[in-house]
Amino acid sequence: MRVAVIEGDGIGPEVTRAALEVLKAAATKFGLNIEFEYVEAGMMH
């Protein structure tokens, strides 16, 4: 499974990092194969 990761601006990067930790933990627990693809978006990019 591929998941696009879009951090965005402002609080986005902090929230995204926390969400990724949860997704990675769930992937480990349930044996999921998740591939993260980082995509740039927002005014700062």
C-alpha atoms as a PDB file:
ATOM      1  CA  MET A   1       0.000   0.000   0.000  1.00  0.00           C
ATOM      2  CA  ARG A   2       1.337   3.444  -0.893  1.00  0.00           C
ATOM      3  CA  VAL A   3       0.435   6.533   1.128  1.00  0.00           C
ATOM      4  CA  ALA A   4       1.171  10.093   0.031  1.00  0.00           C
ATOM      5  CA  VAL A   5       2.599  12.223   2.838  1.00  0.00           C
ATOM      6  CA  ILE A   6       1.945  15.963   2.474  1.00  0.00           C
ATOM      7  CA  GLU A   7       3.343  17.937   5.400  1.00  0.00           C
ATOM      8  CA  GLY A   8       2.172  21.384   4.305  1.00  0.00           C
ATOM      9  CA  ASP A   9       2.880  24.574   6.228  1.00  0.00           C
ATOM     10  CA  GLY A  10       2.435  25.800   9.787  1.00  0.00           C
ATOM     11  CA  ILE A  11       1.472  23.037  12.201  1.00  0.00           C
ATOM     12  CA  GLY A  12       1.339  20.496   9.357  1.00  0.00           C
ATOM     13  CA  PRO A  13       4.817  18.971   9.791  1.00  0.00           C
ATOM     14  CA  GLU A  14       4.340  18.294  13.519  1.00  0.00           C
ATOM     15  CA  VAL A  15       0.913  16.721  13.029  1.00  0.00           C
ATOM     16  CA  THR A  16       2.154  14.700  10.059  1.00  0.00           C
ATOM     17  CA  ARG A  17       5.091  13.267  12.041  1.00  0.00           C
ATOM     18  CA  ALA A  18       2.751  12.157  14.835  1.00  0.00           C
ATOM     19  CA  ALA A  19       0.329  10.587  12.343  1.00  0.00           C
ATOM     20  CA  LEU A  20       3.198   8.713  10.665  1.00  0.00           C
ATOM     21  CA  GLU A  21       4.273   7.259  14.015  1.00  0.00           C
ATOM     22  CA  VAL A  22       0.744   5.915  14.512  1.00  0.00           C
ATOM     23  CA  LEU A  23       0.577   4.484  10.979  1.00  0.00           C
ATOM     24  CA  LYS A  24       3.988   2.825  11.319  1.00  0.00           C
ATOM     25  CA  ALA A  25       3.003   1.274  14.664  1.00  0.00           C
ATOM     26  CA  ALA A  26      -0.259  -0.027  13.165  1.00  0.00           C
ATOM     27  CA  ALA A  27       1.628  -1.418  10.170  1.00  0.00           C
ATOM     28  CA  THR A  28       3.999  -3.283  12.467  1.00  0.00           C
ATOM     29  CA  LYS A  29       1.227  -4.609  14.707  1.00  0.00           C
ATOM     30  CA  PHE A  30      -1.005  -5.799  11.869  1.00  0.00           C
ATOM     31  CA  GLY A  31       1.694  -6.846   9.405  1.00  0.00           C
ATOM     32  CA  LEU A  32       0.852  -4.187   6.828  1.00  0.00           C
ATOM     33  CA  ASN A  33       3.270  -3.151   4.121  1.00  0.00           C
ATOM     34  CA  ILE A  34       2.949   0.639   3.874  1.00  0.00           C
ATOM     35  CA  GLU A  35       5.207   2.633   1.584  1.00  0.00           C
ATOM     36  CA  PHE A  36       5.301   6.385   2.252  1.00  0.00           C
ATOM     37  CA  GLU A  37       5.773   8.799  -0.640  1.00  0.00           C
ATOM     38  CA  TYR A  38       6.614  12.344   0.423  1.00  0.00           C
ATOM     39  CA  VAL A  39       5.006  15.077  -1.677  1.00  0.00           C
ATOM     40  CA  GLU A  40       5.640  18.814  -1.377  1.00  0.00           C
ATOM     41  CA  ALA A  41       2.699  21.209  -1.091  1.00  0.00           C
ATOM     42  CA  GLY A  42       1.849  24.567   0.419  1.00  0.00           C
ATOM     43  CA  MET A  43       3.151  28.104   0.226  1.00  0.00           C
ATOM     44  CA  MET A  44       6.592  27.304   1.708  1.00  0.00           C
ATOM     45  CA  HIS A  45       7.563  24.832  -1.064  1.00  0.00           C
END
